Amino acid sequence: FGFGMPVWLYVLVPVWLGQSLISIRTYAEHQWSEHPEGRTVIVERSPLSFLFLNNNLHFVHHKSPTIAWYRLPKLFRDRREEWLRMNNGYAYP
């Protein structure tokens, strides 16, 4: 196969990298809180937002699950203070 690399390596590396990114994102999206509203994060600026379809606005997505992913940033910007108040300020700038 190409470059003298085995086929399994072509499969394993992308899967491992993809799973690593998803694991980091999933870990960062939630925290323990006595108040359910404060368990889901808002990451205001994320270099991975397009890759994960604006899931950095995870709380906004949970509260408005029918909104298309590409509309989440505007929805967040229009009501930023309200969103941050609703999720008890669990956000990364």
PDB file of N, CA and C in Angstrom:
ATOM      1  N   PHE A   1       0.850  -1.180   0.000  1.00  0.00           N
ATOM      2  CA  PHE A   1       0.000   0.000   0.000  1.00  0.00           C
ATOM      3  C   PHE A   1       0.889   1.234   0.000  1.00  0.00           C
ATOM      4  N   GLY A   2       0.367   2.417  -0.213  1.00  0.00           N
ATOM      5  CA  GLY A   2       1.147   3.636  -0.386  1.00  0.00           C
ATOM      6  C   GLY A   2       2.165   3.918   0.708  1.00  0.00           C
ATOM      7  N   PHE A   3       3.322   4.354   0.321  1.00  0.00           N
ATOM      8  CA  PHE A   3       4.417   4.749   1.208  1.00  0.00           C
ATOM      9  C   PHE A   3       4.922   3.612   2.081  1.00  0.00           C
ATOM     10  N   GLY A   4       4.619   2.397   1.724  1.00  0.00           N
ATOM     11  CA  GLY A   4       5.090   1.252   2.488  1.00  0.00           C
ATOM     12  C   GLY A   4       4.428   1.098   3.849  1.00  0.00           C
ATOM     13  N   MET A   5       3.303   1.780   4.051  1.00  0.00           N
ATOM     14  CA  MET A   5       2.598   1.684   5.338  1.00  0.00           C
ATOM     15  C   MET A   5       1.475   0.661   5.233  1.00  0.00           C
ATOM     16  N   PRO A   6       1.261  -0.099   6.284  1.00  0.00           N
ATOM     17  CA  PRO A   6       0.166  -1.070   6.260  1.00  0.00           C
ATOM     18  C   PRO A   6      -1.202  -0.370   6.277  1.00  0.00           C
ATOM     19  N   VAL A   7      -2.189  -1.031   5.719  1.00  0.00           N
ATOM     20  CA  VAL A   7      -3.543  -0.480   5.624  1.00  0.00           C
ATOM     21  C   VAL A   7      -4.101  -0.156   7.007  1.00  0.00           C
ATOM     22  N   TRP A   8      -3.856  -1.014   7.983  1.00  0.00           N
ATOM     23  CA  TRP A   8      -4.408  -0.786   9.317  1.00  0.00           C
ATOM     24  C   TRP A   8      -3.927   0.537   9.898  1.00  0.00           C
ATOM     25  N   LEU A   9      -2.728   0.958   9.532  1.00  0.00           N
ATOM     26  CA  LEU A   9      -2.202   2.222  10.043  1.00  0.00           C
ATOM     27  C   LEU A   9      -2.956   3.410   9.444  1.00  0.00           C
ATOM     28  N   TYR A  10      -3.345   3.296   8.179  1.00  0.00           N
ATOM     29  CA  TYR A  10      -4.142   4.347   7.548  1.00  0.00           C
ATOM     30  C   TYR A  10      -5.500   4.492   8.228  1.00  0.00           C
ATOM     31  N   VAL A  11      -6.015   3.410   8.756  1.00  0.00           N
ATOM     32  CA  VAL A  11      -7.309   3.434   9.436  1.00  0.00           C
ATOM     33  C   VAL A  11      -7.141   3.868  10.888  1.00  0.00           C
ATOM     34  N   LEU A  12      -6.160   3.320  11.568  1.00  0.00           N
ATOM     35  CA  LEU A  12      -5.983   3.556  12.997  1.00  0.00           C
ATOM     36  C   LEU A  12      -5.672   5.006  13.342  1.00  0.00           C
ATOM     37  N   VAL A  13      -4.787   5.632  12.621  1.00  0.00           N
ATOM     38  CA  VAL A  13      -4.369   7.000  12.950  1.00  0.00           C
ATOM     39  C   VAL A  13      -5.533   7.994  12.867  1.00  0.00           C
ATOM     40  N   PRO A  14      -6.302   8.045  11.773  1.00  0.00           N
ATOM     41  CA  PRO A  14      -7.429   8.988  11.745  1.00  0.00           C
ATOM     42  C   PRO A  14      -8.483   8.692  12.817  1.00  0.00           C
ATOM     43  N   VAL A  15      -8.737   7.427  13.068  1.00  0.00           N
ATOM     44  CA  VAL A  15      -9.717   7.073  14.098  1.00  0.00           C
ATOM     45  C   VAL A  15      -9.219   7.532  15.464  1.00  0.00           C
ATOM     46  N   TRP A  16      -7.965   7.294  15.754  1.00  0.00           N
ATOM     47  CA  TRP A  16      -7.401   7.691  17.046  1.00  0.00           C
ATOM     48  C   TRP A  16      -7.431   9.211  17.210  1.00  0.00           C
ATOM     49  N   LEU A  17      -7.029   9.938  16.180  1.00  0.00           N
ATOM     50  CA  LEU A  17      -7.048  11.401  16.257  1.00  0.00           C
ATOM     51  C   LEU A  17      -8.474  11.934  16.412  1.00  0.00           C
ATOM     52  N   GLY A  18      -9.390  11.396  15.648  1.00  0.00           N
ATOM     53  CA  GLY A  18     -10.785  11.829  15.745  1.00  0.00           C
ATOM     54  C   GLY A  18     -11.375  11.542  17.110  1.00  0.00           C
ATOM     55  N   GLN A  19     -11.120  10.356  17.622  1.00  0.00           N
ATOM     56  CA  GLN A  19     -11.639   9.990  18.942  1.00  0.00           C
ATOM     57  C   GLN A  19     -11.024  10.860  20.035  1.00  0.00           C
ATOM     58  N   SER A  20      -9.778  11.222  19.874  1.00  0.00           N
ATOM     59  CA  SER A  20      -9.120  12.096  20.850  1.00  0.00           C
ATOM     60  C   SER A  20      -9.783  13.466  20.888  1.00  0.00           C
ATOM     61  N   LEU A  21     -10.053  14.036  19.725  1.00  0.00           N
ATOM     62  CA  LEU A  21     -10.724  15.341  19.670  1.00  0.00           C
ATOM     63  C   LEU A  21     -12.121  15.277  20.280  1.00  0.00           C
ATOM     64  N   ILE A  22     -12.855  14.241  19.966  1.00  0.00           N
ATOM     65  CA  ILE A  22     -14.208  14.102  20.504  1.00  0.00           C
ATOM     66  C   ILE A  22     -14.171  13.922  22.017  1.00  0.00           C
ATOM     67  N   SER A  23     -13.210  13.174  22.520  1.00  0.00           N
ATOM     68  CA  SER A  23     -13.100  12.962  23.965  1.00  0.00           C
ATOM     69  C   SER A  23     -12.805  14.263  24.698  1.00  0.00           C
ATOM     70  N   ILE A  24     -11.910  15.061  24.160  1.00  0.00           N
ATOM     71  CA  ILE A  24     -11.590  16.351  24.777  1.00  0.00           C
ATOM     72  C   ILE A  24     -12.823  17.242  24.781  1.00  0.00           C
ATOM     73  N   ARG A  25     -13.494  17.303  23.664  1.00  0.00           N
ATOM     74  CA  ARG A  25     -14.689  18.140  23.566  1.00  0.00           C
ATOM     75  C   ARG A  25     -15.763  17.685  24.547  1.00  0.00           C
ATOM     76  N   THR A  26     -16.025  16.398  24.599  1.00  0.00           N
ATOM     77  CA  THR A  26     -17.063  15.868  25.478  1.00  0.00           C
ATOM     78  C   THR A  26     -16.735  16.131  26.942  1.00  0.00           C
ATOM     79  N   TYR A  27     -15.487  15.960  27.313  1.00  0.00           N
ATOM     80  CA  TYR A  27     -15.070  16.215  28.693  1.00  0.00           C
ATOM     81  C   TYR A  27     -15.274  17.686  29.049  1.00  0.00           C
ATOM     82  N   ALA A  28     -14.929  18.560  28.151  1.00  0.00           N
ATOM     83  CA  ALA A  28     -14.995  19.994  28.430  1.00  0.00           C
ATOM     84  C   ALA A  28     -16.418  20.550  28.411  1.00  0.00           C
ATOM     85  N   GLU A  29     -17.346  19.845  27.803  1.00  0.00           N
ATOM     86  CA  GLU A  29     -18.706  20.366  27.653  1.00  0.00           C
ATOM     87  C   GLU A  29     -19.547  20.308  28.909  1.00  0.00           C
ATOM     88  N   HIS A  30     -19.179  19.476  29.856  1.00  0.00           N
ATOM     89  CA  HIS A  30     -20.038  19.254  31.017  1.00  0.00           C
ATOM     90  C   HIS A  30     -19.256  19.349  32.316  1.00  0.00           C
ATOM     91  N   GLN A  31     -19.950  19.718  33.364  1.00  0.00           N
ATOM     92  CA  GLN A  31     -19.385  19.734  34.708  1.00  0.00           C
ATOM     93  C   GLN A  31     -20.472  19.301  35.680  1.00  0.00           C
ATOM     94  N   TRP A  32     -20.058  18.916  36.874  1.00  0.00           N
ATOM     95  CA  TRP A  32     -21.039  18.587  37.888  1.00  0.00           C
ATOM     96  C   TRP A  32     -21.567  19.876  38.483  1.00  0.00           C
ATOM     97  N   SER A  33     -22.848  19.918  38.723  1.00  0.00           N
ATOM     98  CA  SER A  33     -23.470  21.067  39.371  1.00  0.00           C
ATOM     99  C   SER A  33     -24.770  20.605  40.006  1.00  0.00           C
ATOM    100  N   GLU A  34     -25.095  21.189  41.143  1.00  0.00           N
ATOM    101  CA  GLU A  34     -26.377  20.871  41.772  1.00  0.00           C
ATOM    102  C   GLU A  34     -27.541  21.371  40.924  1.00  0.00           C
ATOM    103  N   HIS A  35     -27.269  22.363  40.114  1.00  0.00           N
ATOM    104  CA  HIS A  35     -28.296  22.941  39.253  1.00  0.00           C
ATOM    105  C   HIS A  35     -28.079  22.457  37.825  1.00  0.00           C
ATOM    106  N   PRO A  36     -29.020  21.700  37.275  1.00  0.00           N
ATOM    107  CA  PRO A  36     -28.842  21.161  35.922  1.00  0.00           C
ATOM    108  C   PRO A  36     -28.501  22.216  34.871  1.00  0.00           C
ATOM    109  N   GLU A  37     -29.006  23.425  35.042  1.00  0.00           N
ATOM    110  CA  GLU A  37     -28.736  24.478  34.060  1.00  0.00           C
ATOM    111  C   GLU A  37     -27.251  24.830  34.002  1.00  0.00           C
ATOM    112  N   GLY A  38     -26.539  24.600  35.083  1.00  0.00           N
ATOM    113  CA  GLY A  38     -25.131  24.965  35.139  1.00  0.00           C
ATOM    114  C   GLY A  38     -24.180  23.850  34.759  1.00  0.00           C
ATOM    115  N   ARG A  39     -24.676  22.804  34.141  1.00  0.00           N
ATOM    116  CA  ARG A  39     -23.833  21.650  33.804  1.00  0.00           C
ATOM    117  C   ARG A  39     -23.273  21.682  32.389  1.00  0.00           C
ATOM    118  N   THR A  40     -23.810  22.526  31.548  1.00  0.00           N
ATOM    119  CA  THR A  40     -23.430  22.504  30.137  1.00  0.00           C
ATOM    120  C   THR A  40     -22.773  23.826  29.755  1.00  0.00           C
ATOM    121  N   VAL A  41     -21.661  23.739  29.080  1.00  0.00           N
ATOM    122  CA  VAL A  41     -20.793  24.885  28.843  1.00  0.00           C
ATOM    123  C   VAL A  41     -21.177  25.712  27.613  1.00  0.00           C
ATOM    124  N   ILE A  42     -20.717  26.952  27.661  1.00  0.00           N
ATOM    125  CA  ILE A  42     -20.710  27.823  26.488  1.00  0.00           C
ATOM    126  C   ILE A  42     -19.251  28.213  26.273  1.00  0.00           C
ATOM    127  N   VAL A  43     -18.716  27.879  25.116  1.00  0.00           N
ATOM    128  CA  VAL A  43     -17.362  28.301  24.751  1.00  0.00           C
ATOM    129  C   VAL A  43     -17.539  29.365  23.679  1.00  0.00           C
ATOM    130  N   GLU A  44     -17.286  30.603  24.060  1.00  0.00           N
ATOM    131  CA  GLU A  44     -17.607  31.710  23.159  1.00  0.00           C
ATOM    132  C   GLU A  44     -16.761  31.725  21.898  1.00  0.00           C
ATOM    133  N   ARG A  45     -15.492  31.420  22.012  1.00  0.00           N
ATOM    134  CA  ARG A  45     -14.611  31.397  20.837  1.00  0.00           C
ATOM    135  C   ARG A  45     -13.870  30.068  20.813  1.00  0.00           C
ATOM    136  N   SER A  46     -14.088  29.313  19.780  1.00  0.00           N
ATOM    137  CA  SER A  46     -13.420  28.022  19.668  1.00  0.00           C
ATOM    138  C   SER A  46     -12.890  27.833  18.250  1.00  0.00           C
ATOM    139  N   PRO A  47     -11.616  27.460  18.129  1.00  0.00           N
ATOM    140  CA  PRO A  47     -11.089  27.204  16.789  1.00  0.00           C
ATOM    141  C   PRO A  47     -11.722  25.964  16.150  1.00  0.00           C
ATOM    142  N   LEU A  48     -12.387  25.152  16.951  1.00  0.00           N
ATOM    143  CA  LEU A  48     -13.006  23.931  16.437  1.00  0.00           C
ATOM    144  C   LEU A  48     -14.509  24.082  16.209  1.00  0.00           C
ATOM    145  N   SER A  49     -15.028  25.297  16.331  1.00  0.00           N
ATOM    146  CA  SER A  49     -16.480  25.474  16.241  1.00  0.00           C
ATOM    147  C   SER A  49     -17.056  24.996  14.911  1.00  0.00           C
ATOM    148  N   PHE A  50     -16.390  25.294  13.813  1.00  0.00           N
ATOM    149  CA  PHE A  50     -16.912  24.851  12.519  1.00  0.00           C
ATOM    150  C   PHE A  50     -16.834  23.334  12.392  1.00  0.00           C
ATOM    151  N   LEU A  51     -15.728  22.760  12.852  1.00  0.00           N
ATOM    152  CA  LEU A  51     -15.554  21.312  12.773  1.00  0.00           C
ATOM    153  C   LEU A  51     -16.657  20.576  13.532  1.00  0.00           C
ATOM    154  N   PHE A  52     -17.041  21.121  14.689  1.00  0.00           N
ATOM    155  CA  PHE A  52     -18.069  20.486  15.511  1.00  0.00           C
ATOM    156  C   PHE A  52     -19.432  21.164  15.372  1.00  0.00           C
ATOM    157  N   LEU A  53     -19.628  21.887  14.289  1.00  0.00           N
ATOM    158  CA  LEU A  53     -20.920  22.499  13.959  1.00  0.00           C
ATOM    159  C   LEU A  53     -21.458  23.378  15.088  1.00  0.00           C
ATOM    160  N   ASN A  54     -20.594  24.234  15.597  1.00  0.00           N
ATOM    161  CA  ASN A  54     -20.928  25.194  16.656  1.00  0.00           C
ATOM    162  C   ASN A  54     -21.408  24.534  17.940  1.00  0.00           C
ATOM    163  N   ASN A  55     -20.954  23.334  18.172  1.00  0.00           N
ATOM    164  CA  ASN A  55     -21.319  22.663  19.417  1.00  0.00           C
ATOM    165  C   ASN A  55     -20.597  23.274  20.617  1.00  0.00           C
ATOM    166  N   ASN A  56     -19.704  24.233  20.368  1.00  0.00           N
ATOM    167  CA  ASN A  56     -19.099  24.976  21.465  1.00  0.00           C
ATOM    168  C   ASN A  56     -20.164  25.800  22.195  1.00  0.00           C
ATOM    169  N   LEU A  57     -21.273  26.033  21.536  1.00  0.00           N
ATOM    170  CA  LEU A  57     -22.417  26.709  22.157  1.00  0.00           C
ATOM    171  C   LEU A  57     -23.395  25.635  22.632  1.00  0.00           C
ATOM    172  N   HIS A  58     -22.856  24.706  23.382  1.00  0.00           N
ATOM    173  CA  HIS A  58     -23.574  23.494  23.768  1.00  0.00           C
ATOM    174  C   HIS A  58     -24.848  23.797  24.566  1.00  0.00           C
ATOM    175  N   PHE A  59     -24.760  24.734  25.471  1.00  0.00           N
ATOM    176  CA  PHE A  59     -25.930  25.091  26.276  1.00  0.00           C
ATOM    177  C   PHE A  59     -27.035  25.668  25.395  1.00  0.00           C
ATOM    178  N   VAL A  60     -26.655  26.522  24.472  1.00  0.00           N
ATOM    179  CA  VAL A  60     -27.633  27.120  23.557  1.00  0.00           C
ATOM    180  C   VAL A  60     -28.297  26.016  22.731  1.00  0.00           C
ATOM    181  N   HIS A  61     -27.496  25.060  22.299  1.00  0.00           N
ATOM    182  CA  HIS A  61     -28.034  23.917  21.555  1.00  0.00           C
ATOM    183  C   HIS A  61     -29.025  23.124  22.407  1.00  0.00           C
ATOM    184  N   HIS A  62     -28.693  22.889  23.672  1.00  0.00           N
ATOM    185  CA  HIS A  62     -29.599  22.141  24.549  1.00  0.00           C
ATOM    186  C   HIS A  62     -30.919  22.877  24.754  1.00  0.00           C
ATOM    187  N   LYS A  63     -30.847  24.178  24.861  1.00  0.00           N
ATOM    188  CA  LYS A  63     -32.058  24.966  25.099  1.00  0.00           C
ATOM    189  C   LYS A  63     -32.856  25.231  23.825  1.00  0.00           C
ATOM    190  N   SER A  64     -32.203  25.157  22.685  1.00  0.00           N
ATOM    191  CA  SER A  64     -32.878  25.409  21.404  1.00  0.00           C
ATOM    192  C   SER A  64     -32.483  24.321  20.403  1.00  0.00           C
ATOM    193  N   PRO A  65     -32.870  23.082  20.658  1.00  0.00           N
ATOM    194  CA  PRO A  65     -32.392  21.975  19.816  1.00  0.00           C
ATOM    195  C   PRO A  65     -32.900  21.991  18.378  1.00  0.00           C
ATOM    196  N   THR A  66     -33.917  22.761  18.098  1.00  0.00           N
ATOM    197  CA  THR A  66     -34.432  22.782  16.726  1.00  0.00           C
ATOM    198  C   THR A  66     -33.758  23.845  15.853  1.00  0.00           C
ATOM    199  N   ILE A  67     -32.908  24.662  16.452  1.00  0.00           N
ATOM    200  CA  ILE A  67     -32.205  25.706  15.699  1.00  0.00           C
ATOM    201  C   ILE A  67     -31.049  25.070  14.923  1.00  0.00           C
ATOM    202  N   ALA A  68     -30.923  25.424  13.671  1.00  0.00           N
ATOM    203  CA  ALA A  68     -29.836  24.896  12.840  1.00  0.00           C
ATOM    204  C   ALA A  68     -28.484  25.318  13.413  1.00  0.00           C
ATOM    205  N   TRP A  69     -27.488  24.467  13.265  1.00  0.00           N
ATOM    206  CA  TRP A  69     -26.164  24.708  13.846  1.00  0.00           C
ATOM    207  C   TRP A  69     -25.561  26.028  13.393  1.00  0.00           C
ATOM    208  N   TYR A  70     -25.815  26.423  12.167  1.00  0.00           N
ATOM    209  CA  TYR A  70     -25.210  27.647  11.648  1.00  0.00           C
ATOM    210  C   TYR A  70     -25.910  28.908  12.161  1.00  0.00           C
ATOM    211  N   ARG A  71     -27.023  28.749  12.835  1.00  0.00           N
ATOM    212  CA  ARG A  71     -27.719  29.900  13.421  1.00  0.00           C
ATOM    213  C   ARG A  71     -27.414  30.078  14.907  1.00  0.00           C
ATOM    214  N   LEU A  72     -26.757  29.122  15.509  1.00  0.00           N
ATOM    215  CA  LEU A  72     -26.455  29.204  16.941  1.00  0.00           C
ATOM    216  C   LEU A  72     -25.601  30.417  17.315  1.00  0.00           C
ATOM    217  N   PRO A  73     -24.547  30.757  16.566  1.00  0.00           N
ATOM    218  CA  PRO A  73     -23.743  31.923  16.966  1.00  0.00           C
ATOM    219  C   PRO A  73     -24.550  33.222  17.045  1.00  0.00           C
ATOM    220  N   LYS A  74     -25.402  33.466  16.079  1.00  0.00           N
ATOM    221  CA  LYS A  74     -26.211  34.697  16.108  1.00  0.00           C
ATOM    222  C   LYS A  74     -27.202  34.653  17.264  1.00  0.00           C
ATOM    223  N   LEU A  75     -27.826  33.514  17.466  1.00  0.00           N
ATOM    224  CA  LEU A  75     -28.758  33.370  18.583  1.00  0.00           C
ATOM    225  C   LEU A  75     -28.040  33.643  19.901  1.00  0.00           C
ATOM    226  N   PHE A  76     -26.828  33.119  20.027  1.00  0.00           N
ATOM    227  CA  PHE A  76     -26.054  33.371  21.243  1.00  0.00           C
ATOM    228  C   PHE A  76     -25.708  34.850  21.372  1.00  0.00           C
ATOM    229  N   ARG A  77     -25.196  35.450  20.323  1.00  0.00           N
ATOM    230  CA  ARG A  77     -24.804  36.868  20.380  1.00  0.00           C
ATOM    231  C   ARG A  77     -25.984  37.768  20.722  1.00  0.00           C
ATOM    232  N   ASP A  78     -27.135  37.478  20.147  1.00  0.00           N
ATOM    233  CA  ASP A  78     -28.315  38.312  20.377  1.00  0.00           C
ATOM    234  C   ASP A  78     -28.798  38.263  21.826  1.00  0.00           C
ATOM    235  N   ARG A  79     -28.535  37.161  22.503  1.00  0.00           N
ATOM    236  CA  ARG A  79     -29.039  36.999  23.876  1.00  0.00           C
ATOM    237  C   ARG A  79     -27.927  36.559  24.831  1.00  0.00           C
ATOM    238  N   ARG A  80     -26.715  37.003  24.582  1.00  0.00           N
ATOM    239  CA  ARG A  80     -25.529  36.543  25.310  1.00  0.00           C
ATOM    240  C   ARG A  80     -25.706  36.584  26.826  1.00  0.00           C
ATOM    241  N   GLU A  81     -26.070  37.720  27.357  1.00  0.00           N
ATOM    242  CA  GLU A  81     -26.185  37.859  28.816  1.00  0.00           C
ATOM    243  C   GLU A  81     -27.237  36.912  29.389  1.00  0.00           C
ATOM    244  N   GLU A  82     -28.308  36.750  28.670  1.00  0.00           N
ATOM    245  CA  GLU A  82     -29.376  35.843  29.116  1.00  0.00           C
ATOM    246  C   GLU A  82     -28.886  34.392  29.153  1.00  0.00           C
ATOM    247  N   TRP A  83     -28.166  33.980  28.097  1.00  0.00           N
ATOM    248  CA  TRP A  83     -27.639  32.608  28.060  1.00  0.00           C
ATOM    249  C   TRP A  83     -26.668  32.373  29.209  1.00  0.00           C
ATOM    250  N   LEU A  84     -25.777  33.326  29.434  1.00  0.00           N
ATOM    251  CA  LEU A  84     -24.785  33.170  30.504  1.00  0.00           C
ATOM    252  C   LEU A  84     -25.451  33.145  31.875  1.00  0.00           C
ATOM    253  N   ARG A  85     -26.474  33.930  32.041  1.00  0.00           N
ATOM    254  CA  ARG A  85     -27.205  33.920  33.311  1.00  0.00           C
ATOM    255  C   ARG A  85     -27.920  32.573  33.502  1.00  0.00           C
ATOM    256  N   MET A  86     -28.517  32.061  32.431  1.00  0.00           N
ATOM    257  CA  MET A  86     -29.259  30.795  32.524  1.00  0.00           C
ATOM    258  C   MET A  86     -28.362  29.615  32.870  1.00  0.00           C
ATOM    259  N   ASN A  87     -27.120  29.602  32.375  1.00  0.00           N
ATOM    260  CA  ASN A  87     -26.267  28.446  32.669  1.00  0.00           C
ATOM    261  C   ASN A  87     -25.291  28.733  33.811  1.00  0.00           C
ATOM    262  N   ASN A  88     -25.644  29.690  34.641  1.00  0.00           N
ATOM    263  CA  ASN A  88     -24.862  30.029  35.842  1.00  0.00           C
ATOM    264  C   ASN A  88     -23.428  30.435  35.525  1.00  0.00           C
ATOM    265  N   GLY A  89     -23.221  31.021  34.373  1.00  0.00           N
ATOM    266  CA  GLY A  89     -21.905  31.531  34.017  1.00  0.00           C
ATOM    267  C   GLY A  89     -20.873  30.479  33.657  1.00  0.00           C
ATOM    268  N   TYR A  90     -21.308  29.245  33.405  1.00  0.00           N
ATOM    269  CA  TYR A  90     -20.354  28.199  33.018  1.00  0.00           C
ATOM    270  C   TYR A  90     -19.969  28.436  31.565  1.00  0.00           C
ATOM    271  N   ALA A  91     -18.899  29.201  31.380  1.00  0.00           N
ATOM    272  CA  ALA A  91     -18.485  29.586  30.034  1.00  0.00           C
ATOM    273  C   ALA A  91     -16.986  29.811  29.990  1.00  0.00           C
ATOM    274  N   TYR A  92     -16.441  29.633  28.807  1.00  0.00           N
ATOM    275  CA  TYR A  92     -15.059  29.995  28.518  1.00  0.00           C
ATOM    276  C   TYR A  92     -15.114  31.125  27.500  1.00  0.00           C
ATOM    277  N   PRO A  93     -14.395  32.206  27.762  1.00  0.00           N
ATOM    278  CA  PRO A  93     -14.463  33.350  26.826  1.00  0.00           C
ATOM    279  C   PRO A  93     -13.855  33.060  25.465  1.00  0.00           C
TER     280      PRO A  93
END
